[in-house]
Amino acid sequence: MRVKRSVTARNRHKKMLDAAKGMQHNRTRSFRLAKQAVTRALEYGYRDRRNKKRDLRGLWITRINAAARAEGTTYGKLIAALKATKIELDRKVLAELAVNEPAAFTAVVKTAVK
């Protein structure tokens, strides 16, 4: 029996073109270009969800280092002192303290680096 594909193909194309909505030029009109663009966008999204964690850790370290230097120590010495005194604050929390609660960050530094 002959299979007609118009409904299936149209739905498939519509789904892809809807996913390409917001892109520019022929990517929103041409199925072939939309398919390429959406595939690439999904790959970038998958990759960058992992890279985001790496980037944020670097940002936290930069913020902690700046705040630690204002207190007269360095990032490396502060982290070593925190480990030695068994203060288990991760870099995310330390960066948050450094930016939003400078007094609390100073207290942590004073406790760790004696």
N, C-alpha and C. Protein backbone atom coordinates (compact mmCIF):
# COMPACT_ATOMS: atom_id res chain seq x y z
N MET A 1 0.84 -1.19 0.00
CA MET A 1 0.00 0.00 0.00
C MET A 1 0.88 1.25 0.00
N ARG A 2 0.46 2.23 -0.72
CA ARG A 2 1.21 3.48 -0.81
C ARG A 2 1.05 4.29 0.46
N VAL A 3 2.19 4.86 0.93
CA VAL A 3 2.16 5.68 2.15
C VAL A 3 2.31 7.14 1.76
N LYS A 4 1.37 7.95 2.17
CA LYS A 4 1.47 9.39 1.93
C LYS A 4 2.13 10.03 3.15
N ARG A 5 3.07 10.91 2.91
CA ARG A 5 3.88 11.46 4.02
C ARG A 5 3.58 12.92 4.34
N SER A 6 2.60 13.48 3.68
CA SER A 6 2.43 14.93 3.81
C SER A 6 2.19 15.37 5.25
N VAL A 7 1.34 14.68 5.98
CA VAL A 7 1.00 15.08 7.35
C VAL A 7 2.22 14.93 8.26
N THR A 8 2.88 13.78 8.16
CA THR A 8 4.05 13.52 9.00
C THR A 8 5.16 14.50 8.69
N ALA A 9 5.44 14.70 7.41
CA ALA A 9 6.53 15.60 7.02
C ALA A 9 6.22 17.03 7.46
N ARG A 10 4.98 17.45 7.26
CA ARG A 10 4.60 18.82 7.65
C ARG A 10 4.77 19.01 9.15
N ASN A 11 4.34 18.01 9.92
CA ASN A 11 4.48 18.12 11.38
C ASN A 11 5.95 18.16 11.80
N ARG A 12 6.76 17.35 11.13
CA ARG A 12 8.19 17.32 11.44
C ARG A 12 8.84 18.67 11.11
N HIS A 13 8.49 19.19 9.93
CA HIS A 13 9.04 20.48 9.52
C HIS A 13 8.57 21.60 10.44
N LYS A 14 7.30 21.57 10.79
CA LYS A 14 6.73 22.61 11.66
C LYS A 14 7.41 22.61 13.02
N LYS A 15 7.65 21.42 13.54
CA LYS A 15 8.31 21.30 14.84
C LYS A 15 9.71 21.92 14.80
N MET A 16 10.45 21.65 13.73
CA MET A 16 11.80 22.17 13.59
C MET A 16 11.80 23.69 13.38
N LEU A 17 10.87 24.18 12.55
CA LEU A 17 10.79 25.62 12.30
C LEU A 17 10.34 26.37 13.55
N ASP A 18 9.50 25.76 14.35
CA ASP A 18 9.10 26.38 15.63
C ASP A 18 10.30 26.46 16.58
N ALA A 19 11.14 25.44 16.55
CA ALA A 19 12.33 25.45 17.41
C ALA A 19 13.32 26.51 16.96
N ALA A 20 13.29 26.87 15.66
CA ALA A 20 14.21 27.88 15.11
C ALA A 20 13.65 29.29 15.24
N LYS A 21 12.52 29.43 15.88
CA LYS A 21 11.89 30.73 16.04
C LYS A 21 12.83 31.64 16.84
N GLY A 22 12.96 32.87 16.39
CA GLY A 22 13.85 33.80 17.06
C GLY A 22 15.23 33.87 16.42
N MET A 23 15.53 32.93 15.54
CA MET A 23 16.79 33.00 14.80
C MET A 23 16.62 33.97 13.63
N GLN A 24 17.70 34.26 12.93
CA GLN A 24 17.64 35.28 11.90
C GLN A 24 17.70 34.70 10.50
N HIS A 25 17.25 35.49 9.55
CA HIS A 25 17.36 35.24 8.12
C HIS A 25 16.62 33.95 7.71
N ASN A 26 17.22 33.16 6.83
CA ASN A 26 16.52 32.00 6.29
C ASN A 26 16.40 30.85 7.28
N ARG A 27 17.03 30.96 8.41
CA ARG A 27 16.93 29.88 9.40
C ARG A 27 15.51 29.72 9.92
N THR A 28 14.71 30.77 9.82
CA THR A 28 13.33 30.69 10.30
C THR A 28 12.38 30.23 9.21
N ARG A 29 12.84 30.24 7.93
CA ARG A 29 11.95 29.90 6.82
C ARG A 29 12.32 28.59 6.13
N SER A 30 13.60 28.29 6.06
CA SER A 30 14.06 27.12 5.33
C SER A 30 14.24 25.95 6.29
N PHE A 31 13.61 24.83 5.99
CA PHE A 31 13.71 23.67 6.88
C PHE A 31 15.14 23.19 7.01
N ARG A 32 15.87 23.15 5.88
CA ARG A 32 17.23 22.64 5.91
C ARG A 32 18.13 23.50 6.82
N LEU A 33 18.05 24.82 6.65
CA LEU A 33 18.87 25.71 7.47
C LEU A 33 18.41 25.71 8.93
N ALA A 34 17.09 25.62 9.12
CA ALA A 34 16.56 25.58 10.49
C ALA A 34 17.05 24.33 11.21
N LYS A 35 17.05 23.20 10.50
CA LYS A 35 17.49 21.94 11.10
C LYS A 35 18.95 22.03 11.52
N GLN A 36 19.79 22.59 10.66
CA GLN A 36 21.21 22.75 10.99
C GLN A 36 21.39 23.66 12.19
N ALA A 37 20.67 24.78 12.19
CA ALA A 37 20.82 25.77 13.26
C ALA A 37 20.34 25.23 14.60
N VAL A 38 19.21 24.52 14.58
CA VAL A 38 18.66 23.98 15.84
C VAL A 38 19.57 22.89 16.38
N THR A 39 20.08 22.03 15.50
CA THR A 39 20.99 20.97 15.94
C THR A 39 22.23 21.56 16.60
N ARG A 40 22.79 22.57 15.94
CA ARG A 40 23.98 23.23 16.48
C ARG A 40 23.67 23.91 17.81
N ALA A 41 22.52 24.56 17.89
CA ALA A 41 22.13 25.25 19.13
C ALA A 41 21.97 24.27 20.28
N LEU A 42 21.39 23.10 20.00
CA LEU A 42 21.23 22.09 21.05
C LEU A 42 22.58 21.56 21.51
N GLU A 43 23.52 21.38 20.56
CA GLU A 43 24.86 20.93 20.93
C GLU A 43 25.57 21.95 21.81
N TYR A 44 25.45 23.22 21.43
CA TYR A 44 26.08 24.28 22.23
C TYR A 44 25.46 24.33 23.62
N GLY A 45 24.14 24.17 23.69
CA GLY A 45 23.47 24.20 24.98
C GLY A 45 23.94 23.08 25.89
N TYR A 46 24.06 21.87 25.33
CA TYR A 46 24.53 20.72 26.10
C TYR A 46 25.94 20.96 26.61
N ARG A 47 26.81 21.43 25.71
CA ARG A 47 28.21 21.68 26.08
C ARG A 47 28.30 22.78 27.16
N ASP A 48 27.55 23.86 26.96
CA ASP A 48 27.71 25.01 27.83
C ASP A 48 27.03 24.86 29.18
N ARG A 49 26.11 23.91 29.30
CA ARG A 49 25.58 23.62 30.64
C ARG A 49 26.67 23.06 31.53
N ARG A 50 27.64 22.38 30.92
CA ARG A 50 28.78 21.87 31.69
C ARG A 50 29.84 22.95 31.88
N ASN A 51 30.09 23.74 30.84
CA ASN A 51 31.09 24.80 30.93
C ASN A 51 30.69 25.89 31.91
N LYS A 52 29.39 26.08 32.11
CA LYS A 52 28.89 27.09 33.03
C LYS A 52 29.42 26.85 34.44
N LYS A 53 29.48 25.60 34.85
CA LYS A 53 29.98 25.25 36.18
C LYS A 53 31.44 25.65 36.31
N ARG A 54 32.22 25.39 35.25
CA ARG A 54 33.63 25.74 35.21
C ARG A 54 33.81 27.25 35.30
N ASP A 55 33.00 27.99 34.53
CA ASP A 55 33.11 29.44 34.50
C ASP A 55 32.75 30.06 35.85
N LEU A 56 31.70 29.53 36.47
CA LEU A 56 31.28 30.09 37.76
C LEU A 56 32.32 29.84 38.84
N ARG A 57 32.94 28.66 38.82
CA ARG A 57 34.00 28.38 39.80
C ARG A 57 35.13 29.38 39.66
N GLY A 58 35.52 29.70 38.43
CA GLY A 58 36.56 30.70 38.19
C GLY A 58 36.16 32.06 38.72
N LEU A 59 34.90 32.43 38.52
CA LEU A 59 34.40 33.71 39.03
C LEU A 59 34.44 33.75 40.55
N TRP A 60 34.01 32.65 41.19
CA TRP A 60 34.05 32.60 42.65
C TRP A 60 35.47 32.76 43.17
N ILE A 61 36.42 32.07 42.54
CA ILE A 61 37.81 32.14 42.97
C ILE A 61 38.34 33.56 42.84
N THR A 62 37.99 34.24 41.74
CA THR A 62 38.42 35.62 41.54
C THR A 62 37.87 36.52 42.63
N ARG A 63 36.61 36.35 42.96
CA ARG A 63 35.98 37.18 44.00
C ARG A 63 36.58 36.91 45.38
N ILE A 64 36.81 35.64 45.68
CA ILE A 64 37.41 35.29 46.98
C ILE A 64 38.81 35.87 47.08
N ASN A 65 39.59 35.76 46.01
CA ASN A 65 40.96 36.27 46.00
C ASN A 65 40.97 37.78 46.22
N ALA A 66 40.07 38.51 45.56
CA ALA A 66 40.01 39.97 45.73
C ALA A 66 39.68 40.34 47.17
N ALA A 67 38.70 39.63 47.74
CA ALA A 67 38.30 39.92 49.12
C ALA A 67 39.39 39.50 50.10
N ALA A 68 40.06 38.39 49.83
CA ALA A 68 41.13 37.91 50.72
C ALA A 68 42.30 38.89 50.71
N ARG A 69 42.64 39.42 49.54
CA ARG A 69 43.74 40.38 49.46
C ARG A 69 43.41 41.67 50.20
N ALA A 70 42.14 42.03 50.22
CA ALA A 70 41.71 43.20 51.01
C ALA A 70 41.91 42.94 52.50
N GLU A 71 41.89 41.66 52.88
CA GLU A 71 42.10 41.28 54.28
C GLU A 71 43.56 41.00 54.60
N GLY A 72 44.44 41.11 53.59
CA GLY A 72 45.87 40.95 53.84
C GLY A 72 46.39 39.53 53.64
N THR A 73 45.66 38.70 52.95
CA THR A 73 46.13 37.35 52.64
C THR A 73 45.84 37.07 51.17
N THR A 74 46.14 35.88 50.72
CA THR A 74 45.85 35.52 49.33
C THR A 74 44.85 34.38 49.30
N TYR A 75 44.35 34.10 48.11
CA TYR A 75 43.37 33.02 47.94
C TYR A 75 43.95 31.68 48.38
N GLY A 76 45.16 31.38 47.91
CA GLY A 76 45.78 30.09 48.21
C GLY A 76 46.01 29.90 49.71
N LYS A 77 46.51 30.95 50.36
CA LYS A 77 46.75 30.87 51.80
C LYS A 77 45.45 30.74 52.57
N LEU A 78 44.41 31.44 52.12
CA LEU A 78 43.11 31.37 52.78
C LEU A 78 42.52 29.96 52.68
N ILE A 79 42.56 29.37 51.49
CA ILE A 79 42.00 28.02 51.30
C ILE A 79 42.79 27.00 52.13
N ALA A 80 44.11 27.15 52.15
CA ALA A 80 44.94 26.23 52.95
C ALA A 80 44.60 26.37 54.43
N ALA A 81 44.41 27.61 54.90
CA ALA A 81 44.08 27.85 56.30
C ALA A 81 42.69 27.30 56.64
N LEU A 82 41.75 27.44 55.72
CA LEU A 82 40.40 26.90 55.94
C LEU A 82 40.44 25.37 56.07
N LYS A 83 41.24 24.73 55.23
CA LYS A 83 41.36 23.27 55.30
C LYS A 83 42.04 22.85 56.61
N ALA A 84 43.06 23.61 57.02
CA ALA A 84 43.79 23.28 58.24
C ALA A 84 42.91 23.41 59.48
N THR A 85 42.05 24.43 59.49
CA THR A 85 41.17 24.64 60.64
C THR A 85 39.85 23.89 60.51
N LYS A 86 39.73 23.08 59.42
CA LYS A 86 38.54 22.25 59.18
C LYS A 86 37.25 23.07 59.08
N ILE A 87 37.36 24.25 58.46
CA ILE A 87 36.17 25.04 58.15
C ILE A 87 35.71 24.62 56.76
N GLU A 88 34.54 24.00 56.67
CA GLU A 88 34.09 23.43 55.40
C GLU A 88 33.08 24.36 54.72
N LEU A 89 33.58 25.46 54.17
CA LEU A 89 32.77 26.35 53.36
C LEU A 89 33.25 26.22 51.92
N ASP A 90 32.33 25.98 51.01
CA ASP A 90 32.75 25.86 49.62
C ASP A 90 32.95 27.24 48.99
N ARG A 91 33.51 27.23 47.79
CA ARG A 91 33.88 28.49 47.14
C ARG A 91 32.66 29.34 46.81
N LYS A 92 31.55 28.69 46.50
CA LYS A 92 30.32 29.43 46.19
C LYS A 92 29.87 30.25 47.39
N VAL A 93 29.87 29.63 48.55
CA VAL A 93 29.44 30.31 49.78
C VAL A 93 30.44 31.40 50.16
N LEU A 94 31.73 31.10 50.04
CA LEU A 94 32.75 32.10 50.37
C LEU A 94 32.62 33.33 49.46
N ALA A 95 32.39 33.11 48.18
CA ALA A 95 32.23 34.22 47.24
C ALA A 95 30.98 35.03 47.58
N GLU A 96 29.92 34.34 47.95
CA GLU A 96 28.68 35.03 48.33
C GLU A 96 28.91 35.89 49.57
N LEU A 97 29.63 35.34 50.55
CA LEU A 97 29.97 36.11 51.75
C LEU A 97 30.84 37.32 51.40
N ALA A 98 31.81 37.11 50.54
CA ALA A 98 32.74 38.18 50.17
C ALA A 98 32.00 39.35 49.51
N VAL A 99 31.00 39.04 48.69
CA VAL A 99 30.29 40.09 47.97
C VAL A 99 29.20 40.73 48.83
N ASN A 100 28.38 39.91 49.49
CA ASN A 100 27.18 40.43 50.17
C ASN A 100 27.33 40.62 51.67
N GLU A 101 28.25 39.89 52.31
CA GLU A 101 28.42 39.98 53.76
C GLU A 101 29.91 40.16 54.09
N PRO A 102 30.49 41.33 53.82
CA PRO A 102 31.93 41.51 54.05
C PRO A 102 32.35 41.29 55.51
N ALA A 103 31.48 41.64 56.45
CA ALA A 103 31.82 41.46 57.86
C ALA A 103 31.94 39.96 58.19
N ALA A 104 31.04 39.17 57.68
CA ALA A 104 31.08 37.73 57.91
C ALA A 104 32.31 37.11 57.25
N PHE A 105 32.64 37.58 56.04
CA PHE A 105 33.84 37.08 55.36
C PHE A 105 35.09 37.43 56.16
N THR A 106 35.13 38.64 56.70
CA THR A 106 36.27 39.04 57.52
C THR A 106 36.39 38.14 58.75
N ALA A 107 35.27 37.80 59.37
CA ALA A 107 35.28 36.92 60.53
C ALA A 107 35.80 35.53 60.16
N VAL A 108 35.41 35.03 59.02
CA VAL A 108 35.88 33.72 58.56
C VAL A 108 37.39 33.77 58.34
N VAL A 109 37.86 34.83 57.70
CA VAL A 109 39.32 34.97 57.44
C VAL A 109 40.08 35.05 58.74
N LYS A 110 39.58 35.83 59.68
CA LYS A 110 40.27 35.99 60.98
C LYS A 110 40.31 34.66 61.75
N THR A 111 39.23 33.89 61.65
CA THR A 111 39.19 32.58 62.33
C THR A 111 40.17 31.61 61.69
N ALA A 112 40.23 31.61 60.39
CA ALA A 112 41.09 30.64 59.68
C ALA A 112 42.56 31.04 59.76
N VAL A 113 42.87 32.29 59.46
CA VAL A 113 44.26 32.76 59.42
C VAL A 113 44.56 33.45 60.73
N LYS A 114 45.21 32.72 61.64
CA LYS A 114 45.52 33.32 62.96
C LYS A 114 46.97 33.69 63.05
